[in-house]
Amino acid sequence: MPTSSPAIEAAKRRVYLFVGTLASLATLAVWLYALRFDDSSPFNRYGLPAVLLYDLGVTWAIATRRVRPSATEPVTLGVLGLLFCARLLSDVALPDVAAPSSRSASWC
């Protein structure tokens, strides 16, 4: 017995294409903003382009009907988990060297 009907897959395809396009544009905007303002965070420098490629790849695969939208769900969940862990490790293990110190940010 199929777990998803063709109507549900078609609705998912439309929603995932919209969200994938929106996510790609948002990731591109954040990455360009970080580059423009000389953000030295390793995650922003190297992680965001990888996320952008993933977003574009999944959106392209769904748009060209190479994969079913429901097939991307577990993979995307895993990628989001890895993304969260990579960002956390980047912030803890590699603090942002461009961030102003607390002393220079004080009013005194």
PDB file of N, CA and C in Angstrom:
ATOM      1  N   MET A   1       0.836  -1.176   0.000  1.00  0.00           N
ATOM      2  CA  MET A   1       0.000   0.000   0.000  1.00  0.00           C
ATOM      3  C   MET A   1       0.888   1.249   0.000  1.00  0.00           C
ATOM      4  N   PRO A   2       0.722   2.132  -0.973  1.00  0.00           N
ATOM      5  CA  PRO A   2       1.549   3.341  -1.023  1.00  0.00           C
ATOM      6  C   PRO A   2       1.241   4.272   0.150  1.00  0.00           C
ATOM      7  N   THR A   3       2.279   4.914   0.628  1.00  0.00           N
ATOM      8  CA  THR A   3       2.095   5.815   1.760  1.00  0.00           C
ATOM      9  C   THR A   3       1.748   7.223   1.311  1.00  0.00           C
ATOM     10  N   SER A   4       1.871   7.486   0.016  1.00  0.00           N
ATOM     11  CA  SER A   4       1.607   8.825  -0.486  1.00  0.00           C
ATOM     12  C   SER A   4       0.902   8.746  -1.833  1.00  0.00           C
ATOM     13  N   SER A   5      -0.146   9.512  -1.971  1.00  0.00           N
ATOM     14  CA  SER A   5      -0.889   9.502  -3.225  1.00  0.00           C
ATOM     15  C   SER A   5      -0.232  10.460  -4.229  1.00  0.00           C
ATOM     16  N   PRO A   6      -0.557  10.299  -5.507  1.00  0.00           N
ATOM     17  CA  PRO A   6      -0.005  11.229  -6.511  1.00  0.00           C
ATOM     18  C   PRO A   6      -0.387  12.687  -6.238  1.00  0.00           C
ATOM     19  N   ALA A   7      -1.567  12.912  -5.697  1.00  0.00           N
ATOM     20  CA  ALA A   7      -1.987  14.279  -5.391  1.00  0.00           C
ATOM     21  C   ALA A   7      -1.120  14.886  -4.285  1.00  0.00           C
ATOM     22  N   ILE A   8      -0.801  14.074  -3.287  1.00  0.00           N
ATOM     23  CA  ILE A   8       0.054  14.564  -2.199  1.00  0.00           C
ATOM     24  C   ILE A   8       1.461  14.828  -2.718  1.00  0.00           C
ATOM     25  N   GLU A   9       1.990  13.930  -3.550  1.00  0.00           N
ATOM     26  CA  GLU A   9       3.316  14.139  -4.137  1.00  0.00           C
ATOM     27  C   GLU A   9       3.352  15.404  -4.990  1.00  0.00           C
ATOM     28  N   ALA A  10       2.286  15.669  -5.745  1.00  0.00           N
ATOM     29  CA  ALA A  10       2.237  16.874  -6.573  1.00  0.00           C
ATOM     30  C   ALA A  10       2.207  18.129  -5.698  1.00  0.00           C
ATOM     31  N   ALA A  11       1.446  18.089  -4.616  1.00  0.00           N
ATOM     32  CA  ALA A  11       1.392  19.230  -3.696  1.00  0.00           C
ATOM     33  C   ALA A  11       2.745  19.432  -3.027  1.00  0.00           C
ATOM     34  N   LYS A  12       3.378  18.344  -2.610  1.00  0.00           N
ATOM     35  CA  LYS A  12       4.709  18.434  -2.005  1.00  0.00           C
ATOM     36  C   LYS A  12       5.708  19.025  -2.990  1.00  0.00           C
ATOM     37  N   ARG A  13       5.618  18.598  -4.240  1.00  0.00           N
ATOM     38  CA  ARG A  13       6.540  19.099  -5.262  1.00  0.00           C
ATOM     39  C   ARG A  13       6.431  20.617  -5.388  1.00  0.00           C
ATOM     40  N   ARG A  14       5.205  21.128  -5.450  1.00  0.00           N
ATOM     41  CA  ARG A  14       5.016  22.580  -5.562  1.00  0.00           C
ATOM     42  C   ARG A  14       5.555  23.309  -4.336  1.00  0.00           C
ATOM     43  N   VAL A  15       5.243  22.802  -3.155  1.00  0.00           N
ATOM     44  CA  VAL A  15       5.709  23.443  -1.918  1.00  0.00           C
ATOM     45  C   VAL A  15       7.226  23.365  -1.813  1.00  0.00           C
ATOM     46  N   TYR A  16       7.816  22.207  -2.111  1.00  0.00           N
ATOM     47  CA  TYR A  16       9.267  22.038  -1.997  1.00  0.00           C
ATOM     48  C   TYR A  16      10.009  22.886  -3.023  1.00  0.00           C
ATOM     49  N   LEU A  17       9.434  23.061  -4.202  1.00  0.00           N
ATOM     50  CA  LEU A  17      10.069  23.932  -5.193  1.00  0.00           C
ATOM     51  C   LEU A  17      10.065  25.380  -4.711  1.00  0.00           C
ATOM     52  N   PHE A  18       8.956  25.823  -4.134  1.00  0.00           N
ATOM     53  CA  PHE A  18       8.878  27.182  -3.608  1.00  0.00           C
ATOM     54  C   PHE A  18       9.848  27.366  -2.440  1.00  0.00           C
ATOM     55  N   VAL A  19       9.827  26.434  -1.499  1.00  0.00           N
ATOM     56  CA  VAL A  19      10.690  26.540  -0.319  1.00  0.00           C
ATOM     57  C   VAL A  19      12.156  26.384  -0.712  1.00  0.00           C
ATOM     58  N   GLY A  20      12.463  25.499  -1.631  1.00  0.00           N
ATOM     59  CA  GLY A  20      13.843  25.314  -2.080  1.00  0.00           C
ATOM     60  C   GLY A  20      14.396  26.557  -2.751  1.00  0.00           C
ATOM     61  N   THR A  21      13.571  27.195  -3.567  1.00  0.00           N
ATOM     62  CA  THR A  21      13.987  28.439  -4.211  1.00  0.00           C
ATOM     63  C   THR A  21      14.191  29.537  -3.173  1.00  0.00           C
ATOM     64  N   LEU A  22      13.268  29.643  -2.238  1.00  0.00           N
ATOM     65  CA  LEU A  22      13.370  30.645  -1.182  1.00  0.00           C
ATOM     66  C   LEU A  22      14.606  30.397  -0.309  1.00  0.00           C
ATOM     67  N   ALA A  23      14.854  29.134   0.046  1.00  0.00           N
ATOM     68  CA  ALA A  23      16.026  28.791   0.860  1.00  0.00           C
ATOM     69  C   ALA A  23      17.319  29.098   0.110  1.00  0.00           C
ATOM     70  N   SER A  24      17.348  28.823  -1.180  1.00  0.00           N
ATOM     71  CA  SER A  24      18.541  29.119  -1.977  1.00  0.00           C
ATOM     72  C   SER A  24      18.811  30.612  -2.023  1.00  0.00           C
ATOM     73  N   LEU A  25      17.781  31.397  -2.236  1.00  0.00           N
ATOM     74  CA  LEU A  25      17.944  32.849  -2.279  1.00  0.00           C
ATOM     75  C   LEU A  25      18.372  33.404  -0.925  1.00  0.00           C
ATOM     76  N   ALA A  26      17.792  32.878   0.149  1.00  0.00           N
ATOM     77  CA  ALA A  26      18.157  33.342   1.483  1.00  0.00           C
ATOM     78  C   ALA A  26      19.594  32.966   1.822  1.00  0.00           C
ATOM     79  N   THR A  27      20.000  31.754   1.490  1.00  0.00           N
ATOM     80  CA  THR A  27      21.376  31.323   1.751  1.00  0.00           C
ATOM     81  C   THR A  27      22.361  32.161   0.951  1.00  0.00           C
ATOM     82  N   LEU A  28      22.038  32.419  -0.314  1.00  0.00           N
ATOM     83  CA  LEU A  28      22.896  33.261  -1.145  1.00  0.00           C
ATOM     84  C   LEU A  28      23.005  34.671  -0.556  1.00  0.00           C
ATOM     85  N   ALA A  29      21.900  35.216  -0.098  1.00  0.00           N
ATOM     86  CA  ALA A  29      21.911  36.572   0.472  1.00  0.00           C
ATOM     87  C   ALA A  29      22.769  36.629   1.740  1.00  0.00           C
ATOM     88  N   VAL A  30      22.632  35.639   2.609  1.00  0.00           N
ATOM     89  CA  VAL A  30      23.417  35.622   3.848  1.00  0.00           C
ATOM     90  C   VAL A  30      24.899  35.459   3.526  1.00  0.00           C
ATOM     91  N   TRP A  31      25.219  34.583   2.583  1.00  0.00           N
ATOM     92  CA  TRP A  31      26.625  34.362   2.211  1.00  0.00           C
ATOM     93  C   TRP A  31      27.235  35.633   1.613  1.00  0.00           C
ATOM     94  N   LEU A  32      26.515  36.285   0.707  1.00  0.00           N
ATOM     95  CA  LEU A  32      27.023  37.515   0.105  1.00  0.00           C
ATOM     96  C   LEU A  32      27.150  38.635   1.141  1.00  0.00           C
ATOM     97  N   TYR A  33      26.219  38.694   2.064  1.00  0.00           N
ATOM     98  CA  TYR A  33      26.297  39.681   3.143  1.00  0.00           C
ATOM     99  C   TYR A  33      27.542  39.429   3.992  1.00  0.00           C
ATOM    100  N   ALA A  34      27.789  38.163   4.329  1.00  0.00           N
ATOM    101  CA  ALA A  34      28.966  37.820   5.136  1.00  0.00           C
ATOM    102  C   ALA A  34      30.248  38.153   4.386  1.00  0.00           C
ATOM    103  N   LEU A  35      30.293  37.887   3.099  1.00  0.00           N
ATOM    104  CA  LEU A  35      31.481  38.222   2.300  1.00  0.00           C
ATOM    105  C   LEU A  35      31.670  39.735   2.198  1.00  0.00           C
ATOM    106  N   ARG A  36      30.585  40.445   2.034  1.00  0.00           N
ATOM    107  CA  ARG A  36      30.647  41.900   1.865  1.00  0.00           C
ATOM    108  C   ARG A  36      31.194  42.589   3.112  1.00  0.00           C
ATOM    109  N   PHE A  37      30.813  42.090   4.271  1.00  0.00           N
ATOM    110  CA  PHE A  37      31.235  42.728   5.514  1.00  0.00           C
ATOM    111  C   PHE A  37      32.384  41.984   6.178  1.00  0.00           C
ATOM    112  N   ASP A  38      33.150  41.248   5.376  1.00  0.00           N
ATOM    113  CA  ASP A  38      34.384  40.594   5.812  1.00  0.00           C
ATOM    114  C   ASP A  38      34.193  39.736   7.061  1.00  0.00           C
ATOM    115  N   ASP A  39      33.175  38.913   7.037  1.00  0.00           N
ATOM    116  CA  ASP A  39      32.936  37.984   8.143  1.00  0.00           C
ATOM    117  C   ASP A  39      33.954  36.864   8.044  1.00  0.00           C
ATOM    118  N   SER A  40      34.741  36.664   9.093  1.00  0.00           N
ATOM    119  CA  SER A  40      35.796  35.661   9.034  1.00  0.00           C
ATOM    120  C   SER A  40      35.365  34.309   9.599  1.00  0.00           C
ATOM    121  N   SER A  41      34.092  34.130   9.845  1.00  0.00           N
ATOM    122  CA  SER A  41      33.609  32.856  10.362  1.00  0.00           C
ATOM    123  C   SER A  41      33.838  31.757   9.332  1.00  0.00           C
ATOM    124  N   PRO A  42      34.538  30.689   9.709  1.00  0.00           N
ATOM    125  CA  PRO A  42      34.776  29.596   8.751  1.00  0.00           C
ATOM    126  C   PRO A  42      33.477  28.973   8.256  1.00  0.00           C
ATOM    127  N   PHE A  43      32.480  28.911   9.119  1.00  0.00           N
ATOM    128  CA  PHE A  43      31.212  28.333   8.688  1.00  0.00           C
ATOM    129  C   PHE A  43      30.577  29.188   7.591  1.00  0.00           C
ATOM    130  N   ASN A  44      30.579  30.499   7.785  1.00  0.00           N
ATOM    131  CA  ASN A  44      29.985  31.369   6.767  1.00  0.00           C
ATOM    132  C   ASN A  44      30.783  31.347   5.477  1.00  0.00           C
ATOM    133  N   ARG A  45      32.091  31.237   5.581  1.00  0.00           N
ATOM    134  CA  ARG A  45      32.939  31.245   4.400  1.00  0.00           C
ATOM    135  C   ARG A  45      32.840  29.948   3.607  1.00  0.00           C
ATOM    136  N   TYR A  46      32.815  28.807   4.303  1.00  0.00           N
ATOM    137  CA  TYR A  46      32.849  27.509   3.616  1.00  0.00           C
ATOM    138  C   TYR A  46      31.550  26.708   3.740  1.00  0.00           C
ATOM    139  N   GLY A  47      30.835  26.886   4.826  1.00  0.00           N
ATOM    140  CA  GLY A  47      29.612  26.125   5.041  1.00  0.00           C
ATOM    141  C   GLY A  47      28.440  26.620   4.213  1.00  0.00           C
ATOM    142  N   LEU A  48      28.289  27.938   4.137  1.00  0.00           N
ATOM    143  CA  LEU A  48      27.157  28.484   3.393  1.00  0.00           C
ATOM    144  C   LEU A  48      27.200  28.149   1.900  1.00  0.00           C
ATOM    145  N   PRO A  49      28.360  28.170   1.242  1.00  0.00           N
ATOM    146  CA  PRO A  49      28.365  27.726  -0.161  1.00  0.00           C
ATOM    147  C   PRO A  49      27.959  26.259  -0.309  1.00  0.00           C
ATOM    148  N   ALA A  50      28.353  25.422   0.649  1.00  0.00           N
ATOM    149  CA  ALA A  50      27.955  24.011   0.601  1.00  0.00           C
ATOM    150  C   ALA A  50      26.444  23.865   0.783  1.00  0.00           C
ATOM    151  N   VAL A  51      25.884  24.645   1.692  1.00  0.00           N
ATOM    152  CA  VAL A  51      24.431  24.627   1.897  1.00  0.00           C
ATOM    153  C   VAL A  51      23.723  25.115   0.640  1.00  0.00           C
ATOM    154  N   LEU A  52      24.249  26.148   0.028  1.00  0.00           N
ATOM    155  CA  LEU A  52      23.657  26.676  -1.203  1.00  0.00           C
ATOM    156  C   LEU A  52      23.669  25.620  -2.309  1.00  0.00           C
ATOM    157  N   LEU A  53      24.776  24.920  -2.463  1.00  0.00           N
ATOM    158  CA  LEU A  53      24.841  23.860  -3.477  1.00  0.00           C
ATOM    159  C   LEU A  53      23.836  22.749  -3.183  1.00  0.00           C
ATOM    160  N   TYR A  54      23.692  22.390  -1.904  1.00  0.00           N
ATOM    161  CA  TYR A  54      22.712  21.364  -1.533  1.00  0.00           C
ATOM    162  C   TYR A  54      21.300  21.846  -1.859  1.00  0.00           C
ATOM    163  N   ASP A  55      20.982  23.084  -1.457  1.00  0.00           N
ATOM    164  CA  ASP A  55      19.654  23.630  -1.749  1.00  0.00           C
ATOM    165  C   ASP A  55      19.357  23.609  -3.245  1.00  0.00           C
ATOM    166  N   LEU A  56      20.304  24.103  -4.025  1.00  0.00           N
ATOM    167  CA  LEU A  56      20.105  24.145  -5.473  1.00  0.00           C
ATOM    168  C   LEU A  56      19.995  22.739  -6.069  1.00  0.00           C
ATOM    169  N   GLY A  57      20.811  21.816  -5.572  1.00  0.00           N
ATOM    170  CA  GLY A  57      20.780  20.446  -6.088  1.00  0.00           C
ATOM    171  C   GLY A  57      19.462  19.742  -5.816  1.00  0.00           C
ATOM    172  N   VAL A  58      18.964  19.870  -4.608  1.00  0.00           N
ATOM    173  CA  VAL A  58      17.693  19.224  -4.269  1.00  0.00           C
ATOM    174  C   VAL A  58      16.546  19.879  -5.030  1.00  0.00           C
ATOM    175  N   THR A  59      16.568  21.199  -5.114  1.00  0.00           N
ATOM    176  CA  THR A  59      15.509  21.895  -5.844  1.00  0.00           C
ATOM    177  C   THR A  59      15.525  21.513  -7.318  1.00  0.00           C
ATOM    178  N   TRP A  60      16.724  21.423  -7.903  1.00  0.00           N
ATOM    179  CA  TRP A  60      16.836  21.008  -9.304  1.00  0.00           C
ATOM    180  C   TRP A  60      16.333  19.572  -9.490  1.00  0.00           C
ATOM    181  N   ALA A  61      16.709  18.675  -8.574  1.00  0.00           N
ATOM    182  CA  ALA A  61      16.300  17.274  -8.693  1.00  0.00           C
ATOM    183  C   ALA A  61      14.780  17.124  -8.595  1.00  0.00           C
ATOM    184  N   ILE A  62      14.165  17.926  -7.740  1.00  0.00           N
ATOM    185  CA  ILE A  62      12.706  17.876  -7.626  1.00  0.00           C
ATOM    186  C   ILE A  62      12.062  18.506  -8.865  1.00  0.00           C
ATOM    187  N   ALA A  63      12.623  19.618  -9.327  1.00  0.00           N
ATOM    188  CA  ALA A  63      12.049  20.307 -10.486  1.00  0.00           C
ATOM    189  C   ALA A  63      12.112  19.449 -11.746  1.00  0.00           C
ATOM    190  N   THR A  64      13.187  18.694 -11.906  1.00  0.00           N
ATOM    191  CA  THR A  64      13.331  17.857 -13.096  1.00  0.00           C
ATOM    192  C   THR A  64      12.737  16.460 -12.901  1.00  0.00           C
ATOM    193  N   ARG A  65      12.122  16.258 -11.749  1.00  0.00           N
ATOM    194  CA  ARG A  65      11.456  14.995 -11.408  1.00  0.00           C
ATOM    195  C   ARG A  65      12.423  13.807 -11.373  1.00  0.00           C
ATOM    196  N   ARG A  66      13.670  14.072 -11.011  1.00  0.00           N
ATOM    197  CA  ARG A  66      14.649  12.993 -10.866  1.00  0.00           C
ATOM    198  C   ARG A  66      14.433  12.226  -9.561  1.00  0.00           C
ATOM    199  N   VAL A  67      13.865  12.900  -8.579  1.00  0.00           N
ATOM    200  CA  VAL A  67      13.547  12.261  -7.298  1.00  0.00           C
ATOM    201  C   VAL A  67      12.149  12.672  -6.871  1.00  0.00           C
ATOM    202  N   ARG A  68      11.526  11.801  -6.095  1.00  0.00           N
ATOM    203  CA  ARG A  68      10.238  12.151  -5.499  1.00  0.00           C
ATOM    204  C   ARG A  68      10.488  13.087  -4.328  1.00  0.00           C
ATOM    205  N   PRO A  69       9.629  14.044  -4.097  1.00  0.00           N
ATOM    206  CA  PRO A  69       9.824  14.952  -2.962  1.00  0.00           C
ATOM    207  C   PRO A  69       9.941  14.223  -1.633  1.00  0.00           C
ATOM    208  N   SER A  70       9.165  13.176  -1.440  1.00  0.00           N
ATOM    209  CA  SER A  70       9.220  12.453  -0.162  1.00  0.00           C
ATOM    210  C   SER A  70      10.554  11.721   0.026  1.00  0.00           C
ATOM    211  N   ALA A  71      11.277  11.458  -1.066  1.00  0.00           N
ATOM    212  CA  ALA A  71      12.582  10.797  -0.954  1.00  0.00           C
ATOM    213  C   ALA A  71      13.646  11.746  -0.420  1.00  0.00           C
ATOM    214  N   THR A  72      13.424  13.034  -0.561  1.00  0.00           N
ATOM    215  CA  THR A  72      14.408  14.003  -0.080  1.00  0.00           C
ATOM    216  C   THR A  72      14.260  14.304   1.409  1.00  0.00           C
ATOM    217  N   GLU A  73      13.139  13.945   2.004  1.00  0.00           N
ATOM    218  CA  GLU A  73      12.867  14.313   3.394  1.00  0.00           C
ATOM    219  C   GLU A  73      13.882  13.755   4.390  1.00  0.00           C
ATOM    220  N   PRO A  74      14.173  12.444   4.400  1.00  0.00           N
ATOM    221  CA  PRO A  74      15.136  11.945   5.390  1.00  0.00           C
ATOM    222  C   PRO A  74      16.554  12.465   5.154  1.00  0.00           C
ATOM    223  N   VAL A  75      16.925  12.643   3.894  1.00  0.00           N
ATOM    224  CA  VAL A  75      18.261  13.162   3.588  1.00  0.00           C
ATOM    225  C   VAL A  75      18.379  14.608   4.070  1.00  0.00           C
ATOM    226  N   THR A  76      17.364  15.399   3.798  1.00  0.00           N
ATOM    227  CA  THR A  76      17.383  16.801   4.218  1.00  0.00           C
ATOM    228  C   THR A  76      17.389  16.919   5.732  1.00  0.00           C
ATOM    229  N   LEU A  77      16.671  16.074   6.407  1.00  0.00           N
ATOM    230  CA  LEU A  77      16.693  16.075   7.874  1.00  0.00           C
ATOM    231  C   LEU A  77      18.104  15.787   8.382  1.00  0.00           C
ATOM    232  N   GLY A  78      18.788  14.832   7.779  1.00  0.00           N
ATOM    233  CA  GLY A  78      20.163  14.523   8.167  1.00  0.00           C
ATOM    234  C   GLY A  78      21.112  15.672   7.861  1.00  0.00           C
ATOM    235  N   VAL A  79      20.944  16.306   6.701  1.00  0.00           N
ATOM    236  CA  VAL A  79      21.794  17.443   6.334  1.00  0.00           C
ATOM    237  C   VAL A  79      21.566  18.608   7.297  1.00  0.00           C
ATOM    238  N   LEU A  80      20.326  18.850   7.669  1.00  0.00           N
ATOM    239  CA  LEU A  80      20.043  19.923   8.628  1.00  0.00           C
ATOM    240  C   LEU A  80      20.673  19.631   9.988  1.00  0.00           C
ATOM    241  N   GLY A  81      20.667  18.369  10.399  1.00  0.00           N
ATOM    242  CA  GLY A  81      21.332  17.992  11.646  1.00  0.00           C
ATOM    243  C   GLY A  81      22.834  18.223  11.574  1.00  0.00           C
ATOM    244  N   LEU A  82      23.441  17.815  10.474  1.00  0.00           N
ATOM    245  CA  LEU A  82      24.878  18.056  10.284  1.00  0.00           C
ATOM    246  C   LEU A  82      25.189  19.548  10.223  1.00  0.00           C
ATOM    247  N   LEU A  83      24.314  20.301   9.578  1.00  0.00           N
ATOM    248  CA  LEU A  83      24.491  21.748   9.488  1.00  0.00           C
ATOM    249  C   LEU A  83      24.464  22.380  10.878  1.00  0.00           C
ATOM    250  N   PHE A  84      23.520  21.969  11.690  1.00  0.00           N
ATOM    251  CA  PHE A  84      23.430  22.483  13.057  1.00  0.00           C
ATOM    252  C   PHE A  84      24.700  22.160  13.842  1.00  0.00           C
ATOM    253  N   CYS A  85      25.151  20.920  13.755  1.00  0.00           N
ATOM    254  CA  CYS A  85      26.369  20.511  14.475  1.00  0.00           C
ATOM    255  C   CYS A  85      27.597  21.251  13.954  1.00  0.00           C
ATOM    256  N   ALA A  86      27.704  21.432  12.642  1.00  0.00           N
ATOM    257  CA  ALA A  86      28.846  22.137  12.069  1.00  0.00           C
ATOM    258  C   ALA A  86      28.867  23.589  12.523  1.00  0.00           C
ATOM    259  N   ARG A  87      27.719  24.216  12.565  1.00  0.00           N
ATOM    260  CA  ARG A  87      27.656  25.612  13.010  1.00  0.00           C
ATOM    261  C   ARG A  87      28.028  25.712  14.485  1.00  0.00           C
ATOM    262  N   LEU A  88      27.521  24.801  15.288  1.00  0.00           N
ATOM    263  CA  LEU A  88      27.829  24.794  16.719  1.00  0.00           C
ATOM    264  C   LEU A  88      29.320  24.572  16.938  1.00  0.00           C
ATOM    265  N   LEU A  89      29.904  23.590  16.266  1.00  0.00           N
ATOM    266  CA  LEU A  89      31.333  23.329  16.412  1.00  0.00           C
ATOM    267  C   LEU A  89      32.169  24.493  15.891  1.00  0.00           C
ATOM    268  N   SER A  90      31.723  25.112  14.829  1.00  0.00           N
ATOM    269  CA  SER A  90      32.445  26.262  14.292  1.00  0.00           C
ATOM    270  C   SER A  90      32.453  27.411  15.295  1.00  0.00           C
ATOM    271  N   ASP A  91      31.341  27.638  15.947  1.00  0.00           N
ATOM    272  CA  ASP A  91      31.265  28.728  16.922  1.00  0.00           C
ATOM    273  C   ASP A  91      32.068  28.437  18.177  1.00  0.00           C
ATOM    274  N   VAL A  92      32.117  27.172  18.584  1.00  0.00           N
ATOM    275  CA  VAL A  92      32.815  26.816  19.816  1.00  0.00           C
ATOM    276  C   VAL A  92      34.304  26.620  19.576  1.00  0.00           C
ATOM    277  N   ALA A  93      34.650  25.834  18.564  1.00  0.00           N
ATOM    278  CA  ALA A  93      36.051  25.486  18.329  1.00  0.00           C
ATOM    279  C   ALA A  93      36.820  26.575  17.592  1.00  0.00           C
ATOM    280  N   LEU A  94      36.151  27.331  16.752  1.00  0.00           N
ATOM    281  CA  LEU A  94      36.809  28.364  15.955  1.00  0.00           C
ATOM    282  C   LEU A  94      36.080  29.686  16.153  1.00  0.00           C
ATOM    283  N   PRO A  95      36.318  30.350  17.276  1.00  0.00           N
ATOM    284  CA  PRO A  95      35.602  31.597  17.507  1.00  0.00           C
ATOM    285  C   PRO A  95      35.919  32.621  16.424  1.00  0.00           C
ATOM    286  N   ASP A  96      34.983  33.473  16.193  1.00  0.00           N
ATOM    287  CA  ASP A  96      35.108  34.487  15.142  1.00  0.00           C
ATOM    288  C   ASP A  96      36.199  35.483  15.505  1.00  0.00           C
ATOM    289  N   VAL A  97      37.279  35.484  14.745  1.00  0.00           N
ATOM    290  CA  VAL A  97      38.399  36.364  15.058  1.00  0.00           C
ATOM    291  C   VAL A  97      38.110  37.811  14.686  1.00  0.00           C
ATOM    292  N   ALA A  98      37.101  38.045  13.861  1.00  0.00           N
ATOM    293  CA  ALA A  98      36.769  39.409  13.469  1.00  0.00           C
ATOM    294  C   ALA A  98      35.808  40.072  14.447  1.00  0.00           C
ATOM    295  N   ALA A  99      35.275  39.299  15.390  1.00  0.00           N
ATOM    296  CA  ALA A  99      34.316  39.866  16.339  1.00  0.00           C
ATOM    297  C   ALA A  99      35.040  40.831  17.263  1.00  0.00           C
ATOM    298  N   PRO A 100      34.444  41.983  17.519  1.00  0.00           N
ATOM    299  CA  PRO A 100      35.094  42.936  18.419  1.00  0.00           C
ATOM    300  C   PRO A 100      35.123  42.399  19.840  1.00  0.00           C
ATOM    301  N   SER A 101      36.157  42.736  20.554  1.00  0.00           N
ATOM    302  CA  SER A 101      36.247  42.295  21.938  1.00  0.00           C
ATOM    303  C   SER A 101      35.238  43.062  22.768  1.00  0.00           C
ATOM    304  N   SER A 102      34.930  42.535  23.944  1.00  0.00           N
ATOM    305  CA  SER A 102      33.954  43.186  24.798  1.00  0.00           C
ATOM    306  C   SER A 102      34.479  44.543  25.268  1.00  0.00           C
ATOM    307  N   ARG A 103      35.773  44.682  25.389  1.00  0.00           N
ATOM    308  CA  ARG A 103      36.350  45.950  25.835  1.00  0.00           C
ATOM    309  C   ARG A 103      36.160  47.036  24.789  1.00  0.00           C
ATOM    310  N   SER A 104      36.364  46.718  23.509  1.00  0.00           N
ATOM    311  CA  SER A 104      36.231  47.751  22.478  1.00  0.00           C
ATOM    312  C   SER A 104      34.781  48.116  22.220  1.00  0.00           C
ATOM    313  N   ALA A 105      33.861  47.248  22.622  1.00  0.00           N
ATOM    314  CA  ALA A 105      32.446  47.513  22.398  1.00  0.00           C
ATOM    315  C   ALA A 105      31.827  48.289  23.559  1.00  0.00           C
ATOM    316  N   SER A 106      32.564  48.485  24.616  1.00  0.00           N
ATOM    317  CA  SER A 106      31.992  49.176  25.773  1.00  0.00           C
ATOM    318  C   SER A 106      31.964  50.683  25.534  1.00  0.00           C
ATOM    319  N   TRP A 107      31.126  51.364  26.268  1.00  0.00           N
ATOM    320  CA  TRP A 107      30.980  52.804  26.145  1.00  0.00           C
ATOM    321  C   TRP A 107      32.088  53.552  26.875  1.00  0.00           C
ATOM    322  N   CYS A 108      32.759  52.901  27.802  1.00  0.00           N
ATOM    323  CA  CYS A 108      33.774  53.580  28.612  1.00  0.00           C
ATOM    324  C   CYS A 108      35.130  53.582  27.952  1.00  0.00           C
TER     325      CYS A 108
END
